[in-house]
PDB file of N, CA and C in Angstrom:
ATOM      1  N   UNK A   1     -33.834  14.516   3.202  1.00  0.00           N
ATOM      2  CA  UNK A   1     -33.176  13.670   2.241  1.00  0.00           C
ATOM      3  C   UNK A   1     -34.014  12.393   2.081  1.00  0.00           C
ATOM      4  N   UNK A   2     -34.297  12.041   0.867  1.00  0.00           N
ATOM      5  CA  UNK A   2     -35.128  10.861   0.624  1.00  0.00           C
ATOM      6  C   UNK A   2     -34.306   9.576   0.696  1.00  0.00           C
ATOM      7  N   UNK A   3     -35.007   8.463   0.827  1.00  0.00           N
ATOM      8  CA  UNK A   3     -34.354   7.161   0.894  1.00  0.00           C
ATOM      9  C   UNK A   3     -33.554   6.904  -0.381  1.00  0.00           C
ATOM     10  N   UNK A   4     -34.105   7.292  -1.516  1.00  0.00           N
ATOM     11  CA  UNK A   4     -33.412   7.092  -2.801  1.00  0.00           C
ATOM     12  C   UNK A   4     -32.113   7.905  -2.856  1.00  0.00           C
ATOM     13  N   UNK A   5     -32.134   9.123  -2.343  1.00  0.00           N
ATOM     14  CA  UNK A   5     -30.928   9.951  -2.307  1.00  0.00           C
ATOM     15  C   UNK A   5     -29.869   9.338  -1.392  1.00  0.00           C
ATOM     16  N   UNK A   6     -30.316   8.791  -0.276  1.00  0.00           N
ATOM     17  CA  UNK A   6     -29.390   8.138   0.655  1.00  0.00           C
ATOM     18  C   UNK A   6     -28.772   6.905  -0.001  1.00  0.00           C
ATOM     19  N   UNK A   7     -29.589   6.111  -0.685  1.00  0.00           N
ATOM     20  CA  UNK A   7     -29.069   4.928  -1.385  1.00  0.00           C
ATOM     21  C   UNK A   7     -28.034   5.325  -2.440  1.00  0.00           C
ATOM     22  N   UNK A   8     -28.327   6.379  -3.166  1.00  0.00           N
ATOM     23  CA  UNK A   8     -27.399   6.858  -4.196  1.00  0.00           C
ATOM     24  C   UNK A   8     -26.081   7.291  -3.566  1.00  0.00           C
ATOM     25  N   UNK A   9     -26.176   8.019  -2.462  1.00  0.00           N
ATOM     26  CA  UNK A   9     -24.959   8.498  -1.781  1.00  0.00           C
ATOM     27  C   UNK A   9     -24.154   7.322  -1.226  1.00  0.00           C
ATOM     28  N   UNK A  10     -24.823   6.333  -0.652  1.00  0.00           N
ATOM     29  CA  UNK A  10     -24.143   5.146  -0.134  1.00  0.00           C
ATOM     30  C   UNK A  10     -23.424   4.425  -1.270  1.00  0.00           C
ATOM     31  N   UNK A  11     -24.091   4.312  -2.408  1.00  0.00           N
ATOM     32  CA  UNK A  11     -23.482   3.670  -3.571  1.00  0.00           C
ATOM     33  C   UNK A  11     -22.227   4.422  -4.022  1.00  0.00           C
ATOM     34  N   UNK A  12     -22.308   5.749  -4.050  1.00  0.00           N
ATOM     35  CA  UNK A  12     -21.149   6.565  -4.422  1.00  0.00           C
ATOM     36  C   UNK A  12     -19.995   6.372  -3.432  1.00  0.00           C
ATOM     37  N   UNK A  13     -20.320   6.349  -2.148  1.00  0.00           N
ATOM     38  CA  UNK A  13     -19.293   6.177  -1.126  1.00  0.00           C
ATOM     39  C   UNK A  13     -18.663   4.790  -1.195  1.00  0.00           C
ATOM     40  N   UNK A  14     -19.461   3.769  -1.468  1.00  0.00           N
ATOM     41  CA  UNK A  14     -18.918   2.419  -1.611  1.00  0.00           C
ATOM     42  C   UNK A  14     -17.962   2.342  -2.792  1.00  0.00           C
ATOM     43  N   UNK A  15     -18.324   2.986  -3.881  1.00  0.00           N
ATOM     44  CA  UNK A  15     -17.460   3.008  -5.062  1.00  0.00           C
ATOM     45  C   UNK A  15     -16.146   3.731  -4.758  1.00  0.00           C
ATOM     46  N   UNK A  16     -16.254   4.860  -4.085  1.00  0.00           N
ATOM     47  CA  UNK A  16     -15.066   5.624  -3.717  1.00  0.00           C
ATOM     48  C   UNK A  16     -14.177   4.829  -2.762  1.00  0.00           C
ATOM     49  N   UNK A  17     -14.792   4.154  -1.817  1.00  0.00           N
ATOM     50  CA  UNK A  17     -14.050   3.336  -0.861  1.00  0.00           C
ATOM     51  C   UNK A  17     -13.312   2.210  -1.584  1.00  0.00           C
ATOM     52  N   UNK A  18     -13.987   1.572  -2.514  1.00  0.00           N
ATOM     53  CA  UNK A  18     -13.380   0.500  -3.282  1.00  0.00           C
ATOM     54  C   UNK A  18     -12.172   1.006  -4.068  1.00  0.00           C
ATOM     55  N   UNK A  19     -12.318   2.162  -4.692  1.00  0.00           N
ATOM     56  CA  UNK A  19     -11.205   2.757  -5.446  1.00  0.00           C
ATOM     57  C   UNK A  19     -10.031   3.070  -4.532  1.00  0.00           C
ATOM     58  N   UNK A  20     -10.321   3.599  -3.355  1.00  0.00           N
ATOM     59  CA  UNK A  20      -9.267   3.929  -2.398  1.00  0.00           C
ATOM     60  C   UNK A  20      -8.560   2.669  -1.916  1.00  0.00           C
ATOM     61  N   UNK A  21      -9.318   1.609  -1.655  1.00  0.00           N
ATOM     62  CA  UNK A  21      -8.704   0.350  -1.216  1.00  0.00           C
ATOM     63  C   UNK A  21      -7.788  -0.214  -2.291  1.00  0.00           C
ATOM     64  N   UNK A  22      -8.208  -0.144  -3.556  1.00  0.00           N
ATOM     65  CA  UNK A  22      -7.372  -0.632  -4.654  1.00  0.00           C
ATOM     66  C   UNK A  22      -6.086   0.182  -4.745  1.00  0.00           C
ATOM     67  N   UNK A  23      -6.189   1.492  -4.595  1.00  0.00           N
ATOM     68  CA  UNK A  23      -5.016   2.345  -4.653  1.00  0.00           C
ATOM     69  C   UNK A  23      -4.074   2.064  -3.480  1.00  0.00           C
ATOM     70  N   UNK A  24      -4.620   1.894  -2.296  1.00  0.00           N
ATOM     71  CA  UNK A  24      -3.804   1.577  -1.123  1.00  0.00           C
ATOM     72  C   UNK A  24      -3.100   0.246  -1.331  1.00  0.00           C
ATOM     73  N   UNK A  25      -3.822  -0.738  -1.852  1.00  0.00           N
ATOM     74  CA  UNK A  25      -3.217  -2.044  -2.110  1.00  0.00           C
ATOM     75  C   UNK A  25      -2.113  -1.927  -3.150  1.00  0.00           C
ATOM     76  N   UNK A  26      -2.348  -1.148  -4.197  1.00  0.00           N
ATOM     77  CA  UNK A  26      -1.358  -0.976  -5.255  1.00  0.00           C
ATOM     78  C   UNK A  26      -0.099  -0.308  -4.706  1.00  0.00           C
ATOM     79  N   UNK A  27      -0.259   0.707  -3.869  1.00  0.00           N
ATOM     80  CA  UNK A  27       0.888   1.415  -3.315  1.00  0.00           C
ATOM     81  C   UNK A  27       1.656   0.568  -2.309  1.00  0.00           C
ATOM     82  N   UNK A  28       0.955  -0.257  -1.568  1.00  0.00           N
ATOM     83  CA  UNK A  28       1.595  -1.061  -0.541  1.00  0.00           C
ATOM     84  C   UNK A  28       1.838  -2.489  -0.966  1.00  0.00           C
ATOM     85  N   UNK A  29       1.795  -2.746  -2.274  1.00  0.00           N
ATOM     86  CA  UNK A  29       1.942  -4.103  -2.781  1.00  0.00           C
ATOM     87  C   UNK A  29       3.313  -4.656  -2.380  1.00  0.00           C
ATOM     88  N   UNK A  30       3.301  -5.778  -1.678  1.00  0.00           N
ATOM     89  CA  UNK A  30       4.570  -6.347  -1.228  1.00  0.00           C
ATOM     90  C   UNK A  30       5.369  -6.929  -2.391  1.00  0.00           C
ATOM     91  N   UNK A  31       6.679  -7.022  -2.193  1.00  0.00           N
ATOM     92  CA  UNK A  31       7.533  -7.632  -3.198  1.00  0.00           C
ATOM     93  C   UNK A  31       7.173  -9.100  -3.348  1.00  0.00           C
ATOM     94  N   UNK A  32       7.464  -9.632  -4.494  1.00  0.00           N
ATOM     95  CA  UNK A  32       7.216 -11.042  -4.735  1.00  0.00           C
ATOM     96  C   UNK A  32       8.152 -11.917  -3.928  1.00  0.00           C
ATOM     97  N   UNK A  33       7.741 -13.136  -3.672  1.00  0.00           N
ATOM     98  CA  UNK A  33       8.530 -14.075  -2.878  1.00  0.00           C
ATOM     99  C   UNK A  33       9.881 -14.351  -3.540  1.00  0.00           C
ATOM    100  N   UNK A  34       9.883 -14.473  -4.860  1.00  0.00           N
ATOM    101  CA  UNK A  34      11.128 -14.761  -5.567  1.00  0.00           C
ATOM    102  C   UNK A  34      12.114 -13.608  -5.410  1.00  0.00           C
ATOM    103  N   UNK A  35      11.628 -12.389  -5.489  1.00  0.00           N
ATOM    104  CA  UNK A  35      12.480 -11.218  -5.322  1.00  0.00           C
ATOM    105  C   UNK A  35      13.098 -11.183  -3.922  1.00  0.00           C
ATOM    106  N   UNK A  36      12.279 -11.482  -2.904  1.00  0.00           N
ATOM    107  CA  UNK A  36      12.795 -11.510  -1.525  1.00  0.00           C
ATOM    108  C   UNK A  36      13.838 -12.605  -1.354  1.00  0.00           C
ATOM    109  N   UNK A  37      13.597 -13.758  -1.982  1.00  0.00           N
ATOM    110  CA  UNK A  37      14.538 -14.873  -1.893  1.00  0.00           C
ATOM    111  C   UNK A  37      15.881 -14.476  -2.484  1.00  0.00           C
ATOM    112  N   UNK A  38      15.869 -13.884  -3.693  1.00  0.00           N
ATOM    113  CA  UNK A  38      17.114 -13.452  -4.319  1.00  0.00           C
ATOM    114  C   UNK A  38      17.836 -12.426  -3.461  1.00  0.00           C
ATOM    115  N   UNK A  39      17.084 -11.528  -2.861  1.00  0.00           N
ATOM    116  CA  UNK A  39      17.693 -10.506  -2.019  1.00  0.00           C
ATOM    117  C   UNK A  39      18.354 -11.151  -0.802  1.00  0.00           C
ATOM    118  N   UNK A  40      17.674 -12.111  -0.182  1.00  0.00           N
ATOM    119  CA  UNK A  40      18.237 -12.786   0.985  1.00  0.00           C
ATOM    120  C   UNK A  40      19.480 -13.592   0.629  1.00  0.00           C
ATOM    121  N   UNK A  41      19.498 -14.154  -0.569  1.00  0.00           N
ATOM    122  CA  UNK A  41      20.645 -14.942  -1.011  1.00  0.00           C
ATOM    123  C   UNK A  41      21.793 -14.069  -1.484  1.00  0.00           C
ATOM    124  N   UNK A  42      21.553 -12.767  -1.615  1.00  0.00           N
ATOM    125  CA  UNK A  42      22.610 -11.841  -1.981  1.00  0.00           C
ATOM    126  C   UNK A  42      22.800 -11.668  -3.474  1.00  0.00           C
ATOM    127  N   UNK A  43      21.871 -12.135  -4.275  1.00  0.00           N
ATOM    128  CA  UNK A  43      21.979 -11.940  -5.718  1.00  0.00           C
ATOM    129  C   UNK A  43      21.610 -10.505  -6.061  1.00  0.00           C
ATOM    130  N   UNK A  44      22.183 -10.009  -7.148  1.00  0.00           N
ATOM    131  CA  UNK A  44      21.857  -8.662  -7.590  1.00  0.00           C
ATOM    132  C   UNK A  44      22.862  -7.630  -7.118  1.00  0.00           C
ATOM    133  N   UNK A  45      23.929  -8.070  -6.520  1.00  0.00           N
ATOM    134  CA  UNK A  45      24.965  -7.130  -6.095  1.00  0.00           C
ATOM    135  C   UNK A  45      24.657  -6.481  -4.766  1.00  0.00           C
ATOM    136  N   UNK A  46      25.674  -5.912  -4.190  1.00  0.00           N
ATOM    137  CA  UNK A  46      25.516  -5.241  -2.906  1.00  0.00           C
ATOM    138  C   UNK A  46      25.108  -3.801  -3.139  1.00  0.00           C
ATOM    139  N   UNK A  47      24.084  -3.341  -2.448  1.00  0.00           N
ATOM    140  CA  UNK A  47      23.637  -1.968  -2.662  1.00  0.00           C
ATOM    141  C   UNK A  47      24.666  -0.953  -2.169  1.00  0.00           C
ATOM    142  N   UNK A  48      24.771   0.151  -2.880  1.00  0.00           N
ATOM    143  CA  UNK A  48      25.667   1.227  -2.464  1.00  0.00           C
ATOM    144  C   UNK A  48      25.103   1.887  -1.213  1.00  0.00           C
ATOM    145  N   UNK A  49      25.916   2.743  -0.588  1.00  0.00           N
ATOM    146  CA  UNK A  49      25.452   3.391   0.641  1.00  0.00           C
ATOM    147  C   UNK A  49      24.247   4.288   0.372  1.00  0.00           C
ATOM    148  N   UNK A  50      24.221   4.974  -0.778  1.00  0.00           N
ATOM    149  CA  UNK A  50      23.060   5.813  -1.074  1.00  0.00           C
ATOM    150  C   UNK A  50      21.832   4.947  -1.324  1.00  0.00           C
ATOM    151  N   UNK A  51      22.049   3.799  -1.943  1.00  0.00           N
ATOM    152  CA  UNK A  51      20.933   2.886  -2.183  1.00  0.00           C
ATOM    153  C   UNK A  51      20.426   2.310  -0.857  1.00  0.00           C
ATOM    154  N   UNK A  52      21.344   2.013   0.047  1.00  0.00           N
ATOM    155  CA  UNK A  52      20.947   1.518   1.366  1.00  0.00           C
ATOM    156  C   UNK A  52      20.100   2.561   2.089  1.00  0.00           C
ATOM    157  N   UNK A  53      20.496   3.833   1.998  1.00  0.00           N
ATOM    158  CA  UNK A  53      19.713   4.897   2.627  1.00  0.00           C
ATOM    159  C   UNK A  53      18.321   4.984   2.020  1.00  0.00           C
ATOM    160  N   UNK A  54      18.236   4.850   0.696  1.00  0.00           N
ATOM    161  CA  UNK A  54      16.929   4.871   0.032  1.00  0.00           C
ATOM    162  C   UNK A  54      16.064   3.726   0.527  1.00  0.00           C
ATOM    163  N   UNK A  55      16.655   2.538   0.641  1.00  0.00           N
ATOM    164  CA  UNK A  55      15.905   1.381   1.110  1.00  0.00           C
ATOM    165  C   UNK A  55      15.444   1.577   2.545  1.00  0.00           C
ATOM    166  N   UNK A  56      16.301   2.151   3.384  1.00  0.00           N
ATOM    167  CA  UNK A  56      15.912   2.410   4.767  1.00  0.00           C
ATOM    168  C   UNK A  56      14.762   3.408   4.828  1.00  0.00           C
ATOM    169  N   UNK A  57      14.830   4.452   3.991  1.00  0.00           N
ATOM    170  CA  UNK A  57      13.754   5.440   3.958  1.00  0.00           C
ATOM    171  C   UNK A  57      12.454   4.806   3.490  1.00  0.00           C
ATOM    172  N   UNK A  58      12.535   3.952   2.478  1.00  0.00           N
ATOM    173  CA  UNK A  58      11.341   3.275   1.995  1.00  0.00           C
ATOM    174  C   UNK A  58      10.743   2.375   3.067  1.00  0.00           C
ATOM    175  N   UNK A  59      11.607   1.649   3.779  1.00  0.00           N
ATOM    176  CA  UNK A  59      11.120   0.772   4.848  1.00  0.00           C
ATOM    177  C   UNK A  59      10.435   1.584   5.941  1.00  0.00           C
ATOM    178  N   UNK A  60      11.078   2.674   6.367  1.00  0.00           N
ATOM    179  CA  UNK A  60      10.481   3.484   7.438  1.00  0.00           C
ATOM    180  C   UNK A  60       9.200   4.143   6.952  1.00  0.00           C
ATOM    181  N   UNK A  61       9.166   4.537   5.687  1.00  0.00           N
ATOM    182  CA  UNK A  61       7.960   5.139   5.119  1.00  0.00           C
ATOM    183  C   UNK A  61       6.822   4.131   5.096  1.00  0.00           C
ATOM    184  N   UNK A  62       7.110   2.901   4.664  1.00  0.00           N
ATOM    185  CA  UNK A  62       6.047   1.897   4.619  1.00  0.00           C
ATOM    186  C   UNK A  62       5.600   1.522   6.023  1.00  0.00           C
ATOM    187  N   UNK A  63       6.514   1.528   6.991  1.00  0.00           N
ATOM    188  CA  UNK A  63       6.140   1.262   8.381  1.00  0.00           C
ATOM    189  C   UNK A  63       5.223   2.364   8.887  1.00  0.00           C
ATOM    190  N   UNK A  64       5.565   3.626   8.557  1.00  0.00           N
ATOM    191  CA  UNK A  64       4.719   4.747   8.956  1.00  0.00           C
ATOM    192  C   UNK A  64       3.341   4.637   8.323  1.00  0.00           C
ATOM    193  N   UNK A  65       3.287   4.211   7.048  1.00  0.00           N
ATOM    194  CA  UNK A  65       1.996   4.065   6.378  1.00  0.00           C
ATOM    195  C   UNK A  65       1.148   3.030   7.089  1.00  0.00           C
ATOM    196  N   UNK A  66       1.784   1.900   7.499  1.00  0.00           N
ATOM    197  CA  UNK A  66       1.029   0.850   8.190  1.00  0.00           C
ATOM    198  C   UNK A  66       0.521   1.368   9.524  1.00  0.00           C
ATOM    199  N   UNK A  67       1.334   2.162  10.222  1.00  0.00           N
ATOM    200  CA  UNK A  67       0.919   2.693  11.518  1.00  0.00           C
ATOM    201  C   UNK A  67      -0.245   3.670  11.364  1.00  0.00           C
ATOM    202  N   UNK A  68      -0.196   4.461  10.278  1.00  0.00           N
ATOM    203  CA  UNK A  68      -1.201   5.495  10.075  1.00  0.00           C
ATOM    204  C   UNK A  68      -2.370   5.047   9.218  1.00  0.00           C
ATOM    205  N   UNK A  69      -2.371   3.779   8.812  1.00  0.00           N
ATOM    206  CA  UNK A  69      -3.435   3.328   7.920  1.00  0.00           C
ATOM    207  C   UNK A  69      -4.775   3.256   8.656  1.00  0.00           C
ATOM    208  N   UNK A  70      -5.809   3.381   7.882  1.00  0.00           N
ATOM    209  CA  UNK A  70      -7.151   3.361   8.404  1.00  0.00           C
ATOM    210  C   UNK A  70      -7.875   2.193   7.764  1.00  0.00           C
ATOM    211  N   UNK A  71      -8.538   1.392   8.561  1.00  0.00           N
ATOM    212  CA  UNK A  71      -9.344   0.291   8.038  1.00  0.00           C
ATOM    213  C   UNK A  71     -10.613   0.890   7.470  1.00  0.00           C
ATOM    214  N   UNK A  72     -10.717   0.835   6.144  1.00  0.00           N
ATOM    215  CA  UNK A  72     -11.877   1.437   5.487  1.00  0.00           C
ATOM    216  C   UNK A  72     -13.105   0.557   5.616  1.00  0.00           C
ATOM    217  N   UNK A  73     -12.919  -0.741   5.820  1.00  0.00           N
ATOM    218  CA  UNK A  73     -14.010  -1.649   6.096  1.00  0.00           C
ATOM    219  C   UNK A  73     -15.108  -1.701   5.058  1.00  0.00           C
ATOM    220  N   UNK A  74     -14.764  -1.482   3.806  1.00  0.00           N
ATOM    221  CA  UNK A  74     -15.779  -1.513   2.753  1.00  0.00           C
ATOM    222  C   UNK A  74     -15.959  -2.927   2.239  1.00  0.00           C
TER     223      UNK A  74
END
């Protein structure tokens, strides 16, 4: 493999890594501060039991994602 081929492959991998990091950030994007404030103050009504279960599943899912995440280091 030539040096030029290696450089090309590194460039491709860096691009792919960057795309993956953007996607990971988009999927794990935290709620805005204002939204959290309203939730803590109790605005927006009380969630139903099914909604509470959905929120619990989302929280546990995001916790699992953080535990299983890989530092791509790009």
